[in-house]
Amino acid sequence: MSLEELREKAFFQNSIDVWIMLCEEKKWDYSDIENYLNFIDYLFSNGIKIQRFPLCIKESGGMFERGKDKTSFLERLSKVQSDNASAFTIKLTQSAIATMRGFTL
């Protein structure tokens, strides 16, 4: 699934699902917490408007075939002491998607 396909499901998405889709597009492993935190830093530094979003770990795993891996990622993320170690709501505009695709590891 691409970021555009994710956008078709809902114009506003949580940053975890956006991160997973971006990683799938770029053939990256999404489970690296440090890379996710860097991605969130990148969004903030590039002026992407995002807001904290209370994401229930137990309900979030079913959206993807790797639900257990996603749940494990979220559980590990919840233990990180950082303002960026959260889920955020992101408006998936074409401009935001283009900016996200500019992120590199």
PDB file of N, CA and C in Angstrom:
ATOM      1  N   MET A   1       0.844  -1.174   0.000  1.00  0.00           N
ATOM      2  CA  MET A   1       0.000   0.000   0.000  1.00  0.00           C
ATOM      3  C   MET A   1       0.893   1.241   0.000  1.00  0.00           C
ATOM      4  N   SER A   2       0.518   2.239  -0.756  1.00  0.00           N
ATOM      5  CA  SER A   2       1.278   3.481  -0.820  1.00  0.00           C
ATOM      6  C   SER A   2       0.663   4.522   0.113  1.00  0.00           C
ATOM      7  N   LEU A   3       1.364   5.626   0.280  1.00  0.00           N
ATOM      8  CA  LEU A   3       0.829   6.720   1.084  1.00  0.00           C
ATOM      9  C   LEU A   3      -0.454   7.279   0.471  1.00  0.00           C
ATOM     10  N   GLU A   4      -0.532   7.314  -0.850  1.00  0.00           N
ATOM     11  CA  GLU A   4      -1.754   7.788  -1.507  1.00  0.00           C
ATOM     12  C   GLU A   4      -2.935   6.855  -1.218  1.00  0.00           C
ATOM     13  N   GLU A   5      -2.666   5.553  -1.226  1.00  0.00           N
ATOM     14  CA  GLU A   5      -3.727   4.595  -0.913  1.00  0.00           C
ATOM     15  C   GLU A   5      -4.175   4.738   0.539  1.00  0.00           C
ATOM     16  N   LEU A   6      -3.231   5.000   1.425  1.00  0.00           N
ATOM     17  CA  LEU A   6      -3.571   5.237   2.822  1.00  0.00           C
ATOM     18  C   LEU A   6      -4.429   6.499   2.927  1.00  0.00           C
ATOM     19  N   ARG A   7      -4.081   7.523   2.164  1.00  0.00           N
ATOM     20  CA  ARG A   7      -4.839   8.767   2.149  1.00  0.00           C
ATOM     21  C   ARG A   7      -6.282   8.540   1.673  1.00  0.00           C
ATOM     22  N   GLU A   8      -6.467   7.640   0.708  1.00  0.00           N
ATOM     23  CA  GLU A   8      -7.811   7.348   0.212  1.00  0.00           C
ATOM     24  C   GLU A   8      -8.699   6.764   1.302  1.00  0.00           C
ATOM     25  N   LYS A   9      -8.113   6.055   2.250  1.00  0.00           N
ATOM     26  CA  LYS A   9      -8.882   5.469   3.355  1.00  0.00           C
ATOM     27  C   LYS A   9      -9.357   6.553   4.314  1.00  0.00           C
ATOM     28  N   ALA A  10      -8.490   7.527   4.573  1.00  0.00           N
ATOM     29  CA  ALA A  10      -8.825   8.660   5.440  1.00  0.00           C
ATOM     30  C   ALA A  10      -7.785   9.749   5.221  1.00  0.00           C
ATOM     31  N   PHE A  11      -8.252  10.974   5.126  1.00  0.00           N
ATOM     32  CA  PHE A  11      -7.372  12.116   4.859  1.00  0.00           C
ATOM     33  C   PHE A  11      -6.433  12.376   6.032  1.00  0.00           C
ATOM     34  N   PHE A  12      -6.901  12.104   7.248  1.00  0.00           N
ATOM     35  CA  PHE A  12      -6.068  12.219   8.444  1.00  0.00           C
ATOM     36  C   PHE A  12      -5.698  10.814   8.889  1.00  0.00           C
ATOM     37  N   GLN A  13      -4.406  10.611   9.124  1.00  0.00           N
ATOM     38  CA  GLN A  13      -3.912   9.297   9.542  1.00  0.00           C
ATOM     39  C   GLN A  13      -3.005   9.455  10.750  1.00  0.00           C
ATOM     40  N   ASN A  14      -2.801   8.365  11.464  1.00  0.00           N
ATOM     41  CA  ASN A  14      -1.859   8.440  12.577  1.00  0.00           C
ATOM     42  C   ASN A  14      -0.450   8.204  12.054  1.00  0.00           C
ATOM     43  N   SER A  15       0.501   8.787  12.755  1.00  0.00           N
ATOM     44  CA  SER A  15       1.899   8.762  12.307  1.00  0.00           C
ATOM     45  C   SER A  15       2.483   7.359  12.265  1.00  0.00           C
ATOM     46  N   ILE A  16       1.981   6.452  13.074  1.00  0.00           N
ATOM     47  CA  ILE A  16       2.494   5.077  13.062  1.00  0.00           C
ATOM     48  C   ILE A  16       2.171   4.417  11.721  1.00  0.00           C
ATOM     49  N   ASP A  17       0.919   4.514  11.289  1.00  0.00           N
ATOM     50  CA  ASP A  17       0.537   3.919  10.007  1.00  0.00           C
ATOM     51  C   ASP A  17       1.243   4.606   8.842  1.00  0.00           C
ATOM     52  N   VAL A  18       1.411   5.918   8.938  1.00  0.00           N
ATOM     53  CA  VAL A  18       2.142   6.655   7.891  1.00  0.00           C
ATOM     54  C   VAL A  18       3.590   6.173   7.847  1.00  0.00           C
ATOM     55  N   TRP A  19       4.202   6.027   9.022  1.00  0.00           N
ATOM     56  CA  TRP A  19       5.583   5.552   9.098  1.00  0.00           C
ATOM     57  C   TRP A  19       5.706   4.155   8.476  1.00  0.00           C
ATOM     58  N   ILE A  20       4.790   3.272   8.797  1.00  0.00           N
ATOM     59  CA  ILE A  20       4.827   1.910   8.257  1.00  0.00           C
ATOM     60  C   ILE A  20       4.694   1.932   6.732  1.00  0.00           C
ATOM     61  N   MET A  21       3.783   2.734   6.215  1.00  0.00           N
ATOM     62  CA  MET A  21       3.601   2.814   4.755  1.00  0.00           C
ATOM     63  C   MET A  21       4.832   3.400   4.073  1.00  0.00           C
ATOM     64  N   LEU A  22       5.413   4.439   4.674  1.00  0.00           N
ATOM     65  CA  LEU A  22       6.629   5.018   4.107  1.00  0.00           C
ATOM     66  C   LEU A  22       7.744   3.979   4.087  1.00  0.00           C
ATOM     67  N   CYS A  23       7.876   3.238   5.172  1.00  0.00           N
ATOM     68  CA  CYS A  23       8.903   2.191   5.242  1.00  0.00           C
ATOM     69  C   CYS A  23       8.657   1.100   4.208  1.00  0.00           C
ATOM     70  N   GLU A  24       7.405   0.739   3.994  1.00  0.00           N
ATOM     71  CA  GLU A  24       7.103  -0.266   2.972  1.00  0.00           C
ATOM     72  C   GLU A  24       7.480   0.249   1.586  1.00  0.00           C
ATOM     73  N   GLU A  25       7.168   1.517   1.317  1.00  0.00           N
ATOM     74  CA  GLU A  25       7.529   2.098   0.020  1.00  0.00           C
ATOM     75  C   GLU A  25       9.040   2.093  -0.192  1.00  0.00           C
ATOM     76  N   LYS A  26       9.787   2.405   0.876  1.00  0.00           N
ATOM     77  CA  LYS A  26      11.238   2.541   0.759  1.00  0.00           C
ATOM     78  C   LYS A  26      11.990   1.247   1.096  1.00  0.00           C
ATOM     79  N   LYS A  27      11.232   0.202   1.421  1.00  0.00           N
ATOM     80  CA  LYS A  27      11.830  -1.105   1.756  1.00  0.00           C
ATOM     81  C   LYS A  27      12.714  -1.018   3.007  1.00  0.00           C
ATOM     82  N   TRP A  28      12.237  -0.256   4.001  1.00  0.00           N
ATOM     83  CA  TRP A  28      12.916  -0.134   5.285  1.00  0.00           C
ATOM     84  C   TRP A  28      12.184  -0.975   6.322  1.00  0.00           C
ATOM     85  N   ASP A  29      12.896  -1.310   7.383  1.00  0.00           N
ATOM     86  CA  ASP A  29      12.285  -1.982   8.529  1.00  0.00           C
ATOM     87  C   ASP A  29      11.676  -0.902   9.419  1.00  0.00           C
ATOM     88  N   TYR A  30      10.369  -0.934   9.606  1.00  0.00           N
ATOM     89  CA  TYR A  30       9.707   0.112  10.384  1.00  0.00           C
ATOM     90  C   TYR A  30       9.909  -0.030  11.883  1.00  0.00           C
ATOM     91  N   SER A  31      10.432  -1.145  12.362  1.00  0.00           N
ATOM     92  CA  SER A  31      10.454  -1.418  13.795  1.00  0.00           C
ATOM     93  C   SER A  31      11.565  -0.712  14.566  1.00  0.00           C
ATOM     94  N   ASP A  32      12.435   0.024  13.885  1.00  0.00           N
ATOM     95  CA  ASP A  32      13.518   0.738  14.567  1.00  0.00           C
ATOM     96  C   ASP A  32      12.960   2.021  15.197  1.00  0.00           C
ATOM     97  N   ILE A  33      12.921   2.055  16.513  1.00  0.00           N
ATOM     98  CA  ILE A  33      12.353   3.187  17.251  1.00  0.00           C
ATOM     99  C   ILE A  33      13.111   4.474  16.951  1.00  0.00           C
ATOM    100  N   GLU A  34      14.431   4.408  16.912  1.00  0.00           N
ATOM    101  CA  GLU A  34      15.238   5.606  16.667  1.00  0.00           C
ATOM    102  C   GLU A  34      14.906   6.225  15.310  1.00  0.00           C
ATOM    103  N   ASN A  35      14.704   5.400  14.306  1.00  0.00           N
ATOM    104  CA  ASN A  35      14.339   5.916  12.982  1.00  0.00           C
ATOM    105  C   ASN A  35      12.969   6.593  13.014  1.00  0.00           C
ATOM    106  N   TYR A  36      12.028   6.016  13.755  1.00  0.00           N
ATOM    107  CA  TYR A  36      10.709   6.648  13.884  1.00  0.00           C
ATOM    108  C   TYR A  36      10.837   8.015  14.558  1.00  0.00           C
ATOM    109  N   LEU A  37      11.611   8.089  15.638  1.00  0.00           N
ATOM    110  CA  LEU A  37      11.804   9.366  16.333  1.00  0.00           C
ATOM    111  C   LEU A  37      12.447  10.394  15.411  1.00  0.00           C
ATOM    112  N   ASN A  38      13.403   9.959  14.601  1.00  0.00           N
ATOM    113  CA  ASN A  38      14.024  10.862  13.626  1.00  0.00           C
ATOM    114  C   ASN A  38      13.016  11.328  12.580  1.00  0.00           C
ATOM    115  N   PHE A  39      12.116  10.441  12.183  1.00  0.00           N
ATOM    116  CA  PHE A  39      11.069  10.792  11.233  1.00  0.00           C
ATOM    117  C   PHE A  39      10.163  11.877  11.825  1.00  0.00           C
ATOM    118  N   ILE A  40       9.761  11.717  13.065  1.00  0.00           N
ATOM    119  CA  ILE A  40       8.912  12.722  13.719  1.00  0.00           C
ATOM    120  C   ILE A  40       9.661  14.049  13.824  1.00  0.00           C
ATOM    121  N   ASP A  41      10.939  14.007  14.198  1.00  0.00           N
ATOM    122  CA  ASP A  41      11.760  15.234  14.212  1.00  0.00           C
ATOM    123  C   ASP A  41      11.759  15.897  12.840  1.00  0.00           C
ATOM    124  N   TYR A  42      11.915  15.090  11.809  1.00  0.00           N
ATOM    125  CA  TYR A  42      11.934  15.582  10.428  1.00  0.00           C
ATOM    126  C   TYR A  42      10.610  16.267  10.085  1.00  0.00           C
ATOM    127  N   LEU A  43       9.498  15.666  10.475  1.00  0.00           N
ATOM    128  CA  LEU A  43       8.194  16.275  10.195  1.00  0.00           C
ATOM    129  C   LEU A  43       8.082  17.639  10.878  1.00  0.00           C
ATOM    130  N   PHE A  44       8.456  17.700  12.157  1.00  0.00           N
ATOM    131  CA  PHE A  44       8.409  18.975  12.874  1.00  0.00           C
ATOM    132  C   PHE A  44       9.318  20.011  12.216  1.00  0.00           C
ATOM    133  N   SER A  45      10.544  19.611  11.889  1.00  0.00           N
ATOM    134  CA  SER A  45      11.509  20.562  11.332  1.00  0.00           C
ATOM    135  C   SER A  45      11.138  21.035   9.926  1.00  0.00           C
ATOM    136  N   ASN A  46      10.266  20.294   9.253  1.00  0.00           N
ATOM    137  CA  ASN A  46       9.826  20.684   7.915  1.00  0.00           C
ATOM    138  C   ASN A  46       8.429  21.309   7.913  1.00  0.00           C
ATOM    139  N   GLY A  47       7.947  21.668   9.086  1.00  0.00           N
ATOM    140  CA  GLY A  47       6.694  22.399   9.193  1.00  0.00           C
ATOM    141  C   GLY A  47       5.431  21.607   8.937  1.00  0.00           C
ATOM    142  N   ILE A  48       5.520  20.276   8.999  1.00  0.00           N
ATOM    143  CA  ILE A  48       4.317  19.456   8.853  1.00  0.00           C
ATOM    144  C   ILE A  48       3.522  19.580  10.153  1.00  0.00           C
ATOM    145  N   LYS A  49       2.272  19.964  10.033  1.00  0.00           N
ATOM    146  CA  LYS A  49       1.437  20.131  11.226  1.00  0.00           C
ATOM    147  C   LYS A  49       0.943  18.766  11.686  1.00  0.00           C
ATOM    148  N   ILE A  50       1.351  18.423  12.892  1.00  0.00           N
ATOM    149  CA  ILE A  50       0.921  17.161  13.479  1.00  0.00           C
ATOM    150  C   ILE A  50       0.485  17.419  14.914  1.00  0.00           C
ATOM    151  N   GLN A  51      -0.436  16.608  15.379  1.00  0.00           N
ATOM    152  CA  GLN A  51      -0.945  16.735  16.746  1.00  0.00           C
ATOM    153  C   GLN A  51      -0.902  15.376  17.422  1.00  0.00           C
ATOM    154  N   ARG A  52      -0.616  15.402  18.719  1.00  0.00           N
ATOM    155  CA  ARG A  52      -0.614  14.151  19.478  1.00  0.00           C
ATOM    156  C   ARG A  52      -1.959  13.456  19.340  1.00  0.00           C
ATOM    157  N   PHE A  53      -1.869  12.145  19.288  1.00  0.00           N
ATOM    158  CA  PHE A  53      -3.047  11.332  19.057  1.00  0.00           C
ATOM    159  C   PHE A  53      -2.994  10.143  20.001  1.00  0.00           C
ATOM    160  N   PRO A  54      -3.998   9.957  20.849  1.00  0.00           N
ATOM    161  CA  PRO A  54      -3.988   8.803  21.755  1.00  0.00           C
ATOM    162  C   PRO A  54      -4.316   7.523  20.980  1.00  0.00           C
ATOM    163  N   LEU A  55      -3.317   6.732  20.731  1.00  0.00           N
ATOM    164  CA  LEU A  55      -3.491   5.496  19.966  1.00  0.00           C
ATOM    165  C   LEU A  55      -3.464   4.321  20.926  1.00  0.00           C
ATOM    166  N   CYS A  56      -4.526   3.562  20.934  1.00  0.00           N
ATOM    167  CA  CYS A  56      -4.621   2.389  21.792  1.00  0.00           C
ATOM    168  C   CYS A  56      -3.790   1.259  21.182  1.00  0.00           C
ATOM    169  N   ILE A  57      -2.812   0.789  21.914  1.00  0.00           N
ATOM    170  CA  ILE A  57      -1.909  -0.249  21.418  1.00  0.00           C
ATOM    171  C   ILE A  57      -2.677  -1.507  21.039  1.00  0.00           C
ATOM    172  N   LYS A  58      -3.607  -1.912  21.851  1.00  0.00           N
ATOM    173  CA  LYS A  58      -4.323  -3.165  21.614  1.00  0.00           C
ATOM    174  C   LYS A  58      -5.190  -3.118  20.358  1.00  0.00           C
ATOM    175  N   GLU A  59      -5.728  -1.951  20.014  1.00  0.00           N
ATOM    176  CA  GLU A  59      -6.616  -1.830  18.864  1.00  0.00           C
ATOM    177  C   GLU A  59      -5.878  -1.562  17.566  1.00  0.00           C
ATOM    178  N   SER A  60      -4.614  -1.191  17.641  1.00  0.00           N
ATOM    179  CA  SER A  60      -3.903  -0.740  16.454  1.00  0.00           C
ATOM    180  C   SER A  60      -3.290  -1.865  15.633  1.00  0.00           C
ATOM    181  N   GLY A  61      -3.114  -3.028  16.205  1.00  0.00           N
ATOM    182  CA  GLY A  61      -2.391  -4.087  15.521  1.00  0.00           C
ATOM    183  C   GLY A  61      -3.102  -4.741  14.372  1.00  0.00           C
ATOM    184  N   GLY A  62      -4.414  -4.690  14.310  1.00  0.00           N
ATOM    185  CA  GLY A  62      -5.157  -5.439  13.315  1.00  0.00           C
ATOM    186  C   GLY A  62      -5.161  -4.858  11.922  1.00  0.00           C
ATOM    187  N   MET A  63      -4.676  -3.652  11.736  1.00  0.00           N
ATOM    188  CA  MET A  63      -4.783  -2.996  10.438  1.00  0.00           C
ATOM    189  C   MET A  63      -3.841  -3.608   9.398  1.00  0.00           C
ATOM    190  N   PHE A  64      -2.775  -4.204   9.835  1.00  0.00           N
ATOM    191  CA  PHE A  64      -1.770  -4.744   8.933  1.00  0.00           C
ATOM    192  C   PHE A  64      -1.536  -6.213   9.231  1.00  0.00           C
ATOM    193  N   GLU A  65      -1.043  -6.931   8.249  1.00  0.00           N
ATOM    194  CA  GLU A  65      -0.791  -8.353   8.445  1.00  0.00           C
ATOM    195  C   GLU A  65       0.265  -8.601   9.514  1.00  0.00           C
ATOM    196  N   ARG A  66       1.132  -7.623   9.743  1.00  0.00           N
ATOM    197  CA  ARG A  66       2.150  -7.773  10.778  1.00  0.00           C
ATOM    198  C   ARG A  66       1.671  -7.163  12.086  1.00  0.00           C
ATOM    199  N   GLY A  67       0.421  -7.372  12.425  1.00  0.00           N
ATOM    200  CA  GLY A  67      -0.180  -6.770  13.608  1.00  0.00           C
ATOM    201  C   GLY A  67       0.598  -6.984  14.887  1.00  0.00           C
ATOM    202  N   LYS A  68       1.119  -8.190  15.095  1.00  0.00           N
ATOM    203  CA  LYS A  68       1.883  -8.463  16.310  1.00  0.00           C
ATOM    204  C   LYS A  68       3.155  -7.640  16.337  1.00  0.00           C
ATOM    205  N   ASP A  69       3.848  -7.524  15.193  1.00  0.00           N
ATOM    206  CA  ASP A  69       5.058  -6.721  15.128  1.00  0.00           C
ATOM    207  C   ASP A  69       4.745  -5.259  15.405  1.00  0.00           C
ATOM    208  N   LYS A  70       3.627  -4.792  14.869  1.00  0.00           N
ATOM    209  CA  LYS A  70       3.220  -3.402  15.083  1.00  0.00           C
ATOM    210  C   LYS A  70       2.915  -3.174  16.563  1.00  0.00           C
ATOM    211  N   THR A  71       2.228  -4.094  17.191  1.00  0.00           N
ATOM    212  CA  THR A  71       1.922  -3.972  18.611  1.00  0.00           C
ATOM    213  C   THR A  71       3.206  -3.943  19.427  1.00  0.00           C
ATOM    214  N   SER A  72       4.161  -4.794  19.082  1.00  0.00           N
ATOM    215  CA  SER A  72       5.449  -4.810  19.770  1.00  0.00           C
ATOM    216  C   SER A  72       6.175  -3.475  19.604  1.00  0.00           C
ATOM    217  N   PHE A  73       6.132  -2.926  18.386  1.00  0.00           N
ATOM    218  CA  PHE A  73       6.744  -1.624  18.121  1.00  0.00           C
ATOM    219  C   PHE A  73       6.109  -0.560  19.017  1.00  0.00           C
ATOM    220  N   LEU A  74       4.786  -0.541  19.091  1.00  0.00           N
ATOM    221  CA  LEU A  74       4.086   0.457  19.896  1.00  0.00           C
ATOM    222  C   LEU A  74       4.373   0.292  21.387  1.00  0.00           C
ATOM    223  N   GLU A  75       4.480  -0.928  21.843  1.00  0.00           N
ATOM    224  CA  GLU A  75       4.803  -1.161  23.249  1.00  0.00           C
ATOM    225  C   GLU A  75       6.199  -0.652  23.573  1.00  0.00           C
ATOM    226  N   ARG A  76       7.165  -0.913  22.685  1.00  0.00           N
ATOM    227  CA  ARG A  76       8.525  -0.410  22.904  1.00  0.00           C
ATOM    228  C   ARG A  76       8.558   1.113  22.830  1.00  0.00           C
ATOM    229  N   LEU A  77       7.806   1.685  21.898  1.00  0.00           N
ATOM    230  CA  LEU A  77       7.747   3.137  21.750  1.00  0.00           C
ATOM    231  C   LEU A  77       7.160   3.784  23.002  1.00  0.00           C
ATOM    232  N   SER A  78       6.182   3.154  23.612  1.00  0.00           N
ATOM    233  CA  SER A  78       5.535   3.722  24.795  1.00  0.00           C
ATOM    234  C   SER A  78       6.484   3.820  25.992  1.00  0.00           C
ATOM    235  N   LYS A  79       7.590   3.097  25.956  1.00  0.00           N
ATOM    236  CA  LYS A  79       8.547   3.109  27.060  1.00  0.00           C
ATOM    237  C   LYS A  79       9.641   4.155  26.875  1.00  0.00           C
ATOM    238  N   VAL A  80       9.679   4.800  25.705  1.00  0.00           N
ATOM    239  CA  VAL A  80      10.700   5.812  25.413  1.00  0.00           C
ATOM    240  C   VAL A  80      10.283   7.134  26.040  1.00  0.00           C
ATOM    241  N   GLN A  81      11.216   7.778  26.721  1.00  0.00           N
ATOM    242  CA  GLN A  81      10.961   9.072  27.349  1.00  0.00           C
ATOM    243  C   GLN A  81      11.360  10.198  26.390  1.00  0.00           C
ATOM    244  N   SER A  82      10.446  10.554  25.516  1.00  0.00           N
ATOM    245  CA  SER A  82      10.676  11.623  24.552  1.00  0.00           C
ATOM    246  C   SER A  82       9.334  12.192  24.134  1.00  0.00           C
ATOM    247  N   ASP A  83       9.303  13.491  23.871  1.00  0.00           N
ATOM    248  CA  ASP A  83       8.064  14.108  23.391  1.00  0.00           C
ATOM    249  C   ASP A  83       7.638  13.528  22.047  1.00  0.00           C
ATOM    250  N   ASN A  84       8.584  13.053  21.271  1.00  0.00           N
ATOM    251  CA  ASN A  84       8.287  12.524  19.946  1.00  0.00           C
ATOM    252  C   ASN A  84       7.920  11.042  19.960  1.00  0.00           C
ATOM    253  N   ALA A  85       7.996  10.421  21.112  1.00  0.00           N
ATOM    254  CA  ALA A  85       7.679   8.988  21.211  1.00  0.00           C
ATOM    255  C   ALA A  85       6.184   8.819  21.440  1.00  0.00           C
ATOM    256  N   SER A  86       5.420   9.278  20.482  1.00  0.00           N
ATOM    257  CA  SER A  86       3.964   9.223  20.544  1.00  0.00           C
ATOM    258  C   SER A  86       3.429   8.948  19.159  1.00  0.00           C
ATOM    259  N   ALA A  87       2.134   8.761  19.112  1.00  0.00           N
ATOM    260  CA  ALA A  87       1.449   8.754  17.815  1.00  0.00           C
ATOM    261  C   ALA A  87       0.903  10.156  17.602  1.00  0.00           C
ATOM    262  N   PHE A  88       0.867  10.574  16.361  1.00  0.00           N
ATOM    263  CA  PHE A  88       0.385  11.900  16.001  1.00  0.00           C
ATOM    264  C   PHE A  88      -0.613  11.766  14.857  1.00  0.00           C
ATOM    265  N   THR A  89      -1.485  12.739  14.738  1.00  0.00           N
ATOM    266  CA  THR A  89      -2.387  12.818  13.603  1.00  0.00           C
ATOM    267  C   THR A  89      -1.717  13.673  12.532  1.00  0.00           C
ATOM    268  N   ILE A  90      -1.751  13.168  11.298  1.00  0.00           N
ATOM    269  CA  ILE A  90      -1.132  13.863  10.178  1.00  0.00           C
ATOM    270  C   ILE A  90      -2.165  14.009   9.061  1.00  0.00           C
ATOM    271  N   LYS A  91      -2.266  15.212   8.523  1.00  0.00           N
ATOM    272  CA  LYS A  91      -3.128  15.448   7.363  1.00  0.00           C
ATOM    273  C   LYS A  91      -2.319  15.102   6.118  1.00  0.00           C
ATOM    274  N   LEU A  92      -2.778  14.124   5.368  1.00  0.00           N
ATOM    275  CA  LEU A  92      -2.025  13.626   4.220  1.00  0.00           C
ATOM    276  C   LEU A  92      -2.326  14.431   2.949  1.00  0.00           C
ATOM    277  N   THR A  93      -1.801  15.643   2.918  1.00  0.00           N
ATOM    278  CA  THR A  93      -1.884  16.445   1.699  1.00  0.00           C
ATOM    279  C   THR A  93      -0.802  15.972   0.740  1.00  0.00           C
ATOM    280  N   GLN A  94      -0.917  16.349  -0.520  1.00  0.00           N
ATOM    281  CA  GLN A  94       0.130  15.992  -1.491  1.00  0.00           C
ATOM    282  C   GLN A  94       1.469  16.578  -1.062  1.00  0.00           C
ATOM    283  N   SER A  95       1.438  17.793  -0.555  1.00  0.00           N
ATOM    284  CA  SER A  95       2.669  18.442  -0.089  1.00  0.00           C
ATOM    285  C   SER A  95       3.287  17.689   1.087  1.00  0.00           C
ATOM    286  N   ALA A  96       2.460  17.272   2.039  1.00  0.00           N
ATOM    287  CA  ALA A  96       2.961  16.528   3.196  1.00  0.00           C
ATOM    288  C   ALA A  96       3.550  15.190   2.757  1.00  0.00           C
ATOM    289  N   ILE A  97       2.876  14.512   1.843  1.00  0.00           N
ATOM    290  CA  ILE A  97       3.379  13.231   1.344  1.00  0.00           C
ATOM    291  C   ILE A  97       4.725  13.426   0.646  1.00  0.00           C
ATOM    292  N   ALA A  98       4.850  14.467  -0.166  1.00  0.00           N
ATOM    293  CA  ALA A  98       6.111  14.740  -0.855  1.00  0.00           C
ATOM    294  C   ALA A  98       7.220  15.011   0.161  1.00  0.00           C
ATOM    295  N   THR A  99       6.918  15.757   1.199  1.00  0.00           N
ATOM    296  CA  THR A  99       7.912  16.041   2.249  1.00  0.00           C
ATOM    297  C   THR A  99       8.313  14.762   2.948  1.00  0.00           C
ATOM    298  N   MET A 100       7.345  13.924   3.289  1.00  0.00           N
ATOM    299  CA  MET A 100       7.646  12.661   3.970  1.00  0.00           C
ATOM    300  C   MET A 100       8.560  11.788   3.135  1.00  0.00           C
ATOM    301  N   ARG A 101       8.309  11.763   1.849  1.00  0.00           N
ATOM    302  CA  ARG A 101       9.146  10.941   0.967  1.00  0.00           C
ATOM    303  C   ARG A 101      10.578  11.470   0.863  1.00  0.00           C
ATOM    304  N   GLY A 102      10.796  12.708   1.296  1.00  0.00           N
ATOM    305  CA  GLY A 102      12.138  13.263   1.307  1.00  0.00           C
ATOM    306  C   GLY A 102      12.955  12.826   2.517  1.00  0.00           C
ATOM    307  N   PHE A 103      12.318  12.169   3.477  1.00  0.00           N
ATOM    308  CA  PHE A 103      13.024  11.689   4.656  1.00  0.00           C
ATOM    309  C   PHE A 103      13.959  10.550   4.267  1.00  0.00           C
ATOM    310  N   THR A 104      15.169  10.592   4.816  1.00  0.00           N
ATOM    311  CA  THR A 104      16.133   9.510   4.574  1.00  0.00           C
ATOM    312  C   THR A 104      16.679   9.015   5.914  1.00  0.00           C
ATOM    313  N   LEU A 105      17.080   7.770   5.915  1.00  0.00           N
ATOM    314  CA  LEU A 105      17.673   7.187   7.132  1.00  0.00           C
ATOM    315  C   LEU A 105      19.122   7.565   7.243  1.00  0.00           C
TER     316      LEU A 105
END
